[in-house]
Amino acid sequence: MNAYNENGLKVGYWVEYWANGNLKYKGTYIKGEEHGLFEYYYSNGNLSYKENYINGKECGLYEIYYSNGELNIKQYYI
């Protein structure tokens, strides 16, 4: 978890936390690029947004949430 390859690029599964200990984000990197589902959180612990990546480019479903956890926007990348 939270590793770099020999070229200093992020690889594998990553998680980061806010100073208060709540999850900030989680997702997987391949050769320094986002790949798969990434989820980002508000410092209060509620989901902020989530999106999918393929080789560092956004694709598919993208959802944005209000800080109270309610869904705000749901859209798709083409």
PDB file of N, CA and C in Angstrom:
ATOM      1  N   MET A   1       0.852  -1.182   0.000  1.00  0.00           N
ATOM      2  CA  MET A   1       0.000   0.000   0.000  1.00  0.00           C
ATOM      3  C   MET A   1       0.891   1.237   0.000  1.00  0.00           C
ATOM      4  N   ASN A   2       0.452   2.291  -0.727  1.00  0.00           N
ATOM      5  CA  ASN A   2       1.170   3.557  -0.829  1.00  0.00           C
ATOM      6  C   ASN A   2       2.635   3.345  -1.195  1.00  0.00           C
ATOM      7  N   ALA A   3       2.866   2.711  -2.341  1.00  0.00           N
ATOM      8  CA  ALA A   3       4.228   2.402  -2.781  1.00  0.00           C
ATOM      9  C   ALA A   3       4.572   3.157  -4.065  1.00  0.00           C
ATOM     10  N   TYR A   4       5.868   3.289  -4.283  1.00  0.00           N
ATOM     11  CA  TYR A   4       6.399   3.895  -5.503  1.00  0.00           C
ATOM     12  C   TYR A   4       7.231   2.855  -6.235  1.00  0.00           C
ATOM     13  N   ASN A   5       7.275   2.970  -7.571  1.00  0.00           N
ATOM     14  CA  ASN A   5       8.136   2.068  -8.329  1.00  0.00           C
ATOM     15  C   ASN A   5       9.546   2.653  -8.415  1.00  0.00           C
ATOM     16  N   GLU A   6      10.421   1.993  -9.146  1.00  0.00           N
ATOM     17  CA  GLU A   6      11.820   2.420  -9.251  1.00  0.00           C
ATOM     18  C   GLU A   6      11.979   3.792  -9.919  1.00  0.00           C
ATOM     19  N   ASN A   7      10.944   4.251 -10.620  1.00  0.00           N
ATOM     20  CA  ASN A   7      10.976   5.562 -11.272  1.00  0.00           C
ATOM     21  C   ASN A   7      10.308   6.648 -10.428  1.00  0.00           C
ATOM     22  N   GLY A   8       9.910   6.294  -9.205  1.00  0.00           N
ATOM     23  CA  GLY A   8       9.288   7.262  -8.311  1.00  0.00           C
ATOM     24  C   GLY A   8       7.817   7.512  -8.589  1.00  0.00           C
ATOM     25  N   LEU A   9       7.169   6.622  -9.356  1.00  0.00           N
ATOM     26  CA  LEU A   9       5.749   6.763  -9.680  1.00  0.00           C
ATOM     27  C   LEU A   9       4.903   5.948  -8.719  1.00  0.00           C
ATOM     28  N   LYS A  10       3.731   6.442  -8.387  1.00  0.00           N
ATOM     29  CA  LYS A  10       2.813   5.711  -7.519  1.00  0.00           C
ATOM     30  C   LYS A  10       2.370   4.424  -8.201  1.00  0.00           C
ATOM     31  N   VAL A  11       2.344   3.331  -7.426  1.00  0.00           N
ATOM     32  CA  VAL A  11       1.863   2.041  -7.933  1.00  0.00           C
ATOM     33  C   VAL A  11       1.061   1.343  -6.847  1.00  0.00           C
ATOM     34  N   GLY A  12       0.108   0.541  -7.272  1.00  0.00           N
ATOM     35  CA  GLY A  12      -0.684  -0.248  -6.345  1.00  0.00           C
ATOM     36  C   GLY A  12      -1.772   0.560  -5.661  1.00  0.00           C
ATOM     37  N   TYR A  13      -2.297  -0.032  -4.605  1.00  0.00           N
ATOM     38  CA  TYR A  13      -3.419   0.549  -3.872  1.00  0.00           C
ATOM     39  C   TYR A  13      -2.912   1.649  -2.944  1.00  0.00           C
ATOM     40  N   TRP A  14      -3.575   2.805  -2.974  1.00  0.00           N
ATOM     41  CA  TRP A  14      -3.203   3.945  -2.143  1.00  0.00           C
ATOM     42  C   TRP A  14      -4.384   4.404  -1.314  1.00  0.00           C
ATOM     43  N   VAL A  15      -4.086   4.834  -0.101  1.00  0.00           N
ATOM     44  CA  VAL A  15      -5.064   5.498   0.755  1.00  0.00           C
ATOM     45  C   VAL A  15      -4.353   6.659   1.437  1.00  0.00           C
ATOM     46  N   GLU A  16      -5.087   7.739   1.652  1.00  0.00           N
ATOM     47  CA  GLU A  16      -4.579   8.873   2.413  1.00  0.00           C
ATOM     48  C   GLU A  16      -5.662   9.308   3.384  1.00  0.00           C
ATOM     49  N   TYR A  17      -5.236   9.920   4.475  1.00  0.00           N
ATOM     50  CA  TYR A  17      -6.148  10.300   5.546  1.00  0.00           C
ATOM     51  C   TYR A  17      -6.032  11.791   5.856  1.00  0.00           C
ATOM     52  N   TRP A  18      -7.140  12.352   6.301  1.00  0.00           N
ATOM     53  CA  TRP A  18      -7.154  13.717   6.809  1.00  0.00           C
ATOM     54  C   TRP A  18      -6.414  13.748   8.154  1.00  0.00           C
ATOM     55  N   ALA A  19      -6.042  14.934   8.617  1.00  0.00           N
ATOM     56  CA  ALA A  19      -5.347  15.086   9.902  1.00  0.00           C
ATOM     57  C   ALA A  19      -6.172  14.527  11.063  1.00  0.00           C
ATOM     58  N   ASN A  20      -7.510  14.536  10.904  1.00  0.00           N
ATOM     59  CA  ASN A  20      -8.383  14.024  11.976  1.00  0.00           C
ATOM     60  C   ASN A  20      -8.517  12.494  11.958  1.00  0.00           C
ATOM     61  N   GLY A  21      -7.832  11.844  11.021  1.00  0.00           N
ATOM     62  CA  GLY A  21      -7.863  10.383  10.948  1.00  0.00           C
ATOM     63  C   GLY A  21      -8.884   9.818   9.986  1.00  0.00           C
ATOM     64  N   ASN A  22      -9.789  10.643   9.471  1.00  0.00           N
ATOM     65  CA  ASN A  22     -10.772  10.169   8.500  1.00  0.00           C
ATOM     66  C   ASN A  22     -10.125   9.962   7.137  1.00  0.00           C
ATOM     67  N   LEU A  23     -10.672   9.021   6.395  1.00  0.00           N
ATOM     68  CA  LEU A  23     -10.177   8.711   5.058  1.00  0.00           C
ATOM     69  C   LEU A  23     -10.319   9.915   4.135  1.00  0.00           C
ATOM     70  N   LYS A  24      -9.259  10.218   3.378  1.00  0.00           N
ATOM     71  CA  LYS A  24      -9.273  11.324   2.411  1.00  0.00           C
ATOM     72  C   LYS A  24      -9.558  10.794   1.006  1.00  0.00           C
ATOM     73  N   TYR A  25      -8.837   9.741   0.601  1.00  0.00           N
ATOM     74  CA  TYR A  25      -9.125   9.098  -0.684  1.00  0.00           C
ATOM     75  C   TYR A  25      -8.536   7.702  -0.707  1.00  0.00           C
ATOM     76  N   LYS A  26      -9.039   6.898  -1.664  1.00  0.00           N
ATOM     77  CA  LYS A  26      -8.496   5.572  -1.906  1.00  0.00           C
ATOM     78  C   LYS A  26      -8.633   5.242  -3.375  1.00  0.00           C
ATOM     79  N   GLY A  27      -7.637   4.519  -3.899  1.00  0.00           N
ATOM     80  CA  GLY A  27      -7.652   4.130  -5.293  1.00  0.00           C
ATOM     81  C   GLY A  27      -6.350   3.454  -5.682  1.00  0.00           C
ATOM     82  N   THR A  28      -6.295   2.974  -6.905  1.00  0.00           N
ATOM     83  CA  THR A  28      -5.151   2.218  -7.402  1.00  0.00           C
ATOM     84  C   THR A  28      -4.433   2.977  -8.509  1.00  0.00           C
ATOM     85  N   TYR A  29      -3.110   2.903  -8.462  1.00  0.00           N
ATOM     86  CA  TYR A  29      -2.262   3.519  -9.480  1.00  0.00           C
ATOM     87  C   TYR A  29      -1.494   2.441 -10.230  1.00  0.00           C
ATOM     88  N   ILE A  30      -1.335   2.657 -11.525  1.00  0.00           N
ATOM     89  CA  ILE A  30      -0.470   1.829 -12.363  1.00  0.00           C
ATOM     90  C   ILE A  30       0.492   2.779 -13.065  1.00  0.00           C
ATOM     91  N   LYS A  31       1.778   2.628 -12.785  1.00  0.00           N
ATOM     92  CA  LYS A  31       2.819   3.483 -13.373  1.00  0.00           C
ATOM     93  C   LYS A  31       2.506   4.959 -13.183  1.00  0.00           C
ATOM     94  N   GLY A  32       2.029   5.319 -11.998  1.00  0.00           N
ATOM     95  CA  GLY A  32       1.775   6.714 -11.658  1.00  0.00           C
ATOM     96  C   GLY A  32       0.449   7.270 -12.124  1.00  0.00           C
ATOM     97  N   GLU A  33      -0.354   6.463 -12.779  1.00  0.00           N
ATOM     98  CA  GLU A  33      -1.647   6.925 -13.289  1.00  0.00           C
ATOM     99  C   GLU A  33      -2.791   6.224 -12.556  1.00  0.00           C
ATOM    100  N   GLU A  34      -3.857   6.978 -12.315  1.00  0.00           N
ATOM    101  CA  GLU A  34      -5.038   6.407 -11.682  1.00  0.00           C
ATOM    102  C   GLU A  34      -5.624   5.326 -12.581  1.00  0.00           C
ATOM    103  N   HIS A  35      -6.082   4.250 -11.956  1.00  0.00           N
ATOM    104  CA  HIS A  35      -6.676   3.165 -12.726  1.00  0.00           C
ATOM    105  C   HIS A  35      -7.737   2.480 -11.859  1.00  0.00           C
ATOM    106  N   GLY A  36      -8.964   2.474 -12.352  1.00  0.00           N
ATOM    107  CA  GLY A  36     -10.058   1.884 -11.600  1.00  0.00           C
ATOM    108  C   GLY A  36     -10.818   2.939 -10.817  1.00  0.00           C
ATOM    109  N   LEU A  37     -11.552   2.487  -9.818  1.00  0.00           N
ATOM    110  CA  LEU A  37     -12.398   3.365  -9.016  1.00  0.00           C
ATOM    111  C   LEU A  37     -11.584   4.145  -7.985  1.00  0.00           C
ATOM    112  N   PHE A  38     -11.791   5.459  -7.935  1.00  0.00           N
ATOM    113  CA  PHE A  38     -11.231   6.316  -6.895  1.00  0.00           C
ATOM    114  C   PHE A  38     -12.382   6.943  -6.128  1.00  0.00           C
ATOM    115  N   GLU A  39     -12.241   6.977  -4.819  1.00  0.00           N
ATOM    116  CA  GLU A  39     -13.247   7.595  -3.956  1.00  0.00           C
ATOM    117  C   GLU A  39     -12.555   8.639  -3.091  1.00  0.00           C
ATOM    118  N   TYR A  40     -13.149   9.837  -3.053  1.00  0.00           N
ATOM    119  CA  TYR A  40     -12.619  10.963  -2.286  1.00  0.00           C
ATOM    120  C   TYR A  40     -13.647  11.344  -1.223  1.00  0.00           C
ATOM    121  N   TYR A  41     -13.155  11.730  -0.049  1.00  0.00           N
ATOM    122  CA  TYR A  41     -14.028  11.983   1.095  1.00  0.00           C
ATOM    123  C   TYR A  41     -13.805  13.373   1.685  1.00  0.00           C
ATOM    124  N   TYR A  42     -14.883  13.930   2.235  1.00  0.00           N
ATOM    125  CA  TYR A  42     -14.783  15.153   3.016  1.00  0.00           C
ATOM    126  C   TYR A  42     -14.085  14.828   4.334  1.00  0.00           C
ATOM    127  N   SER A  43     -13.560  15.844   4.996  1.00  0.00           N
ATOM    128  CA  SER A  43     -12.889  15.614   6.276  1.00  0.00           C
ATOM    129  C   SER A  43     -13.857  15.101   7.348  1.00  0.00           C
ATOM    130  N   ASN A  44     -15.179  15.288   7.118  1.00  0.00           N
ATOM    131  CA  ASN A  44     -16.165  14.776   8.081  1.00  0.00           C
ATOM    132  C   ASN A  44     -16.440  13.282   7.889  1.00  0.00           C
ATOM    133  N   GLY A  45     -15.809  12.673   6.886  1.00  0.00           N
ATOM    134  CA  GLY A  45     -15.961  11.244   6.642  1.00  0.00           C
ATOM    135  C   GLY A  45     -16.957  10.878   5.563  1.00  0.00           C
ATOM    136  N   ASN A  46     -17.762  11.828   5.113  1.00  0.00           N
ATOM    137  CA  ASN A  46     -18.739  11.556   4.057  1.00  0.00           C
ATOM    138  C   ASN A  46     -18.075  11.560   2.686  1.00  0.00           C
ATOM    139  N   LEU A  47     -18.634  10.763   1.793  1.00  0.00           N
ATOM    140  CA  LEU A  47     -18.132  10.682   0.424  1.00  0.00           C
ATOM    141  C   LEU A  47     -18.280  12.023  -0.273  1.00  0.00           C
ATOM    142  N   SER A  48     -17.209  12.495  -0.929  1.00  0.00           N
ATOM    143  CA  SER A  48     -17.215  13.752  -1.675  1.00  0.00           C
ATOM    144  C   SER A  48     -17.507  13.492  -3.150  1.00  0.00           C
ATOM    145  N   TYR A  49     -16.714  12.615  -3.761  1.00  0.00           N
ATOM    146  CA  TYR A  49     -16.992  12.193  -5.130  1.00  0.00           C
ATOM    147  C   TYR A  49     -16.271  10.890  -5.417  1.00  0.00           C
ATOM    148  N   LYS A  50     -16.738  10.239  -6.472  1.00  0.00           N
ATOM    149  CA  LYS A  50     -16.081   9.023  -6.933  1.00  0.00           C
ATOM    150  C   LYS A  50     -16.107   9.005  -8.447  1.00  0.00           C
ATOM    151  N   GLU A  51     -15.031   8.477  -8.995  1.00  0.00           N
ATOM    152  CA  GLU A  51     -14.930   8.383 -10.444  1.00  0.00           C
ATOM    153  C   GLU A  51     -14.030   7.231 -10.824  1.00  0.00           C
ATOM    154  N   ASN A  52     -14.172   6.813 -12.066  1.00  0.00           N
ATOM    155  CA  ASN A  52     -13.401   5.704 -12.608  1.00  0.00           C
ATOM    156  C   ASN A  52     -12.359   6.216 -13.583  1.00  0.00           C
ATOM    157  N   TYR A  53     -11.229   5.526 -13.611  1.00  0.00           N
ATOM    158  CA  TYR A  53     -10.131   5.883 -14.504  1.00  0.00           C
ATOM    159  C   TYR A  53      -9.664   4.654 -15.269  1.00  0.00           C
ATOM    160  N   ILE A  54      -9.167   4.894 -16.466  1.00  0.00           N
ATOM    161  CA  ILE A  54      -8.415   3.900 -17.217  1.00  0.00           C
ATOM    162  C   ILE A  54      -7.145   4.600 -17.680  1.00  0.00           C
ATOM    163  N   ASN A  55      -6.011   4.111 -17.197  1.00  0.00           N
ATOM    164  CA  ASN A  55      -4.705   4.681 -17.547  1.00  0.00           C
ATOM    165  C   ASN A  55      -4.657   6.196 -17.358  1.00  0.00           C
ATOM    166  N   GLY A  56      -5.176   6.680 -16.237  1.00  0.00           N
ATOM    167  CA  GLY A  56      -5.092   8.095 -15.890  1.00  0.00           C
ATOM    168  C   GLY A  56      -6.157   8.980 -16.488  1.00  0.00           C
ATOM    169  N   LYS A  57      -7.051   8.443 -17.277  1.00  0.00           N
ATOM    170  CA  LYS A  57      -8.109   9.238 -17.912  1.00  0.00           C
ATOM    171  C   LYS A  57      -9.463   8.859 -17.317  1.00  0.00           C
ATOM    172  N   GLU A  58     -10.267   9.888 -17.021  1.00  0.00           N
ATOM    173  CA  GLU A  58     -11.596   9.643 -16.474  1.00  0.00           C
ATOM    174  C   GLU A  58     -12.447   8.896 -17.483  1.00  0.00           C
ATOM    175  N   CYS A  59     -13.234   7.952 -16.988  1.00  0.00           N
ATOM    176  CA  CYS A  59     -14.137   7.215 -17.871  1.00  0.00           C
ATOM    177  C   CYS A  59     -15.306   6.701 -17.057  1.00  0.00           C
ATOM    178  N   GLY A  60     -16.428   6.536 -17.706  1.00  0.00           N
ATOM    179  CA  GLY A  60     -17.586   5.950 -17.045  1.00  0.00           C
ATOM    180  C   GLY A  60     -18.256   6.871 -16.048  1.00  0.00           C
ATOM    181  N   LEU A  61     -18.792   6.287 -15.021  1.00  0.00           N
ATOM    182  CA  LEU A  61     -19.604   6.983 -14.030  1.00  0.00           C
ATOM    183  C   LEU A  61     -18.777   7.928 -13.156  1.00  0.00           C
ATOM    184  N   TYR A  62     -19.350   9.098 -12.883  1.00  0.00           N
ATOM    185  CA  TYR A  62     -18.761  10.113 -12.003  1.00  0.00           C
ATOM    186  C   TYR A  62     -19.875  10.646 -11.126  1.00  0.00           C
ATOM    187  N   GLU A  63     -19.693  10.603  -9.805  1.00  0.00           N
ATOM    188  CA  GLU A  63     -20.718  11.073  -8.877  1.00  0.00           C
ATOM    189  C   GLU A  63     -20.117  12.081  -7.903  1.00  0.00           C
ATOM    190  N   ILE A  64     -20.849  13.175  -7.666  1.00  0.00           N
ATOM    191  CA  ILE A  64     -20.444  14.202  -6.711  1.00  0.00           C
ATOM    192  C   ILE A  64     -21.491  14.255  -5.607  1.00  0.00           C
ATOM    193  N   TYR A  65     -21.025  14.369  -4.366  1.00  0.00           N
ATOM    194  CA  TYR A  65     -21.916  14.368  -3.217  1.00  0.00           C
ATOM    195  C   TYR A  65     -21.795  15.663  -2.427  1.00  0.00           C
ATOM    196  N   TYR A  66     -22.881  16.061  -1.800  1.00  0.00           N
ATOM    197  CA  TYR A  66     -22.856  17.163  -0.850  1.00  0.00           C
ATOM    198  C   TYR A  66     -22.117  16.704   0.402  1.00  0.00           C
ATOM    199  N   SER A  67     -21.662  17.654   1.216  1.00  0.00           N
ATOM    200  CA  SER A  67     -20.913  17.294   2.424  1.00  0.00           C
ATOM    201  C   SER A  67     -21.766  16.522   3.438  1.00  0.00           C
ATOM    202  N   ASN A  68     -23.101  16.569   3.280  1.00  0.00           N
ATOM    203  CA  ASN A  68     -23.967  15.798   4.182  1.00  0.00           C
ATOM    204  C   ASN A  68     -24.158  14.355   3.697  1.00  0.00           C
ATOM    205  N   GLY A  69     -23.536  14.007   2.554  1.00  0.00           N
ATOM    206  CA  GLY A  69     -23.598  12.647   2.040  1.00  0.00           C
ATOM    207  C   GLY A  69     -24.630  12.409   0.959  1.00  0.00           C
ATOM    208  N   GLU A  70     -25.479  13.410   0.670  1.00  0.00           N
ATOM    209  CA  GLU A  70     -26.495  13.246  -0.373  1.00  0.00           C
ATOM    210  C   GLU A  70     -25.885  13.423  -1.763  1.00  0.00           C
ATOM    211  N   LEU A  71     -26.376  12.630  -2.710  1.00  0.00           N
ATOM    212  CA  LEU A  71     -25.916  12.710  -4.088  1.00  0.00           C
ATOM    213  C   LEU A  71     -26.308  14.047  -4.701  1.00  0.00           C
ATOM    214  N   ASN A  72     -25.360  14.722  -5.347  1.00  0.00           N
ATOM    215  CA  ASN A  72     -25.585  16.004  -6.001  1.00  0.00           C
ATOM    216  C   ASN A  72     -25.665  15.821  -7.516  1.00  0.00           C
ATOM    217  N   ILE A  73     -24.646  15.223  -8.103  1.00  0.00           N
ATOM    218  CA  ILE A  73     -24.562  15.069  -9.560  1.00  0.00           C
ATOM    219  C   ILE A  73     -24.136  13.651  -9.891  1.00  0.00           C
ATOM    220  N   LYS A  74     -24.777  13.090 -10.918  1.00  0.00           N
ATOM    221  CA  LYS A  74     -24.399  11.781 -11.436  1.00  0.00           C
ATOM    222  C   LYS A  74     -24.289  11.921 -12.935  1.00  0.00           C
ATOM    223  N   GLN A  75     -23.097  11.685 -13.487  1.00  0.00           N
ATOM    224  CA  GLN A  75     -22.901  11.831 -14.921  1.00  0.00           C
ATOM    225  C   GLN A  75     -21.902  10.788 -15.402  1.00  0.00           C
ATOM    226  N   TYR A  76     -21.737  10.730 -16.713  1.00  0.00           N
ATOM    227  CA  TYR A  76     -20.843   9.751 -17.321  1.00  0.00           C
ATOM    228  C   TYR A  76     -19.847  10.442 -18.235  1.00  0.00           C
ATOM    229  N   TYR A  77     -18.594  10.016 -18.158  1.00  0.00           N
ATOM    230  CA  TYR A  77     -17.605  10.438 -19.143  1.00  0.00           C
ATOM    231  C   TYR A  77     -17.777   9.573 -20.374  1.00  0.00           C
ATOM    232  N   ILE A  78     -17.541  10.166 -21.504  1.00  0.00           N
ATOM    233  CA  ILE A  78     -17.643   9.410 -22.761  1.00  0.00           C
ATOM    234  C   ILE A  78     -16.255   9.139 -23.293  1.00  0.00           C
TER     235      ILE A  78
END
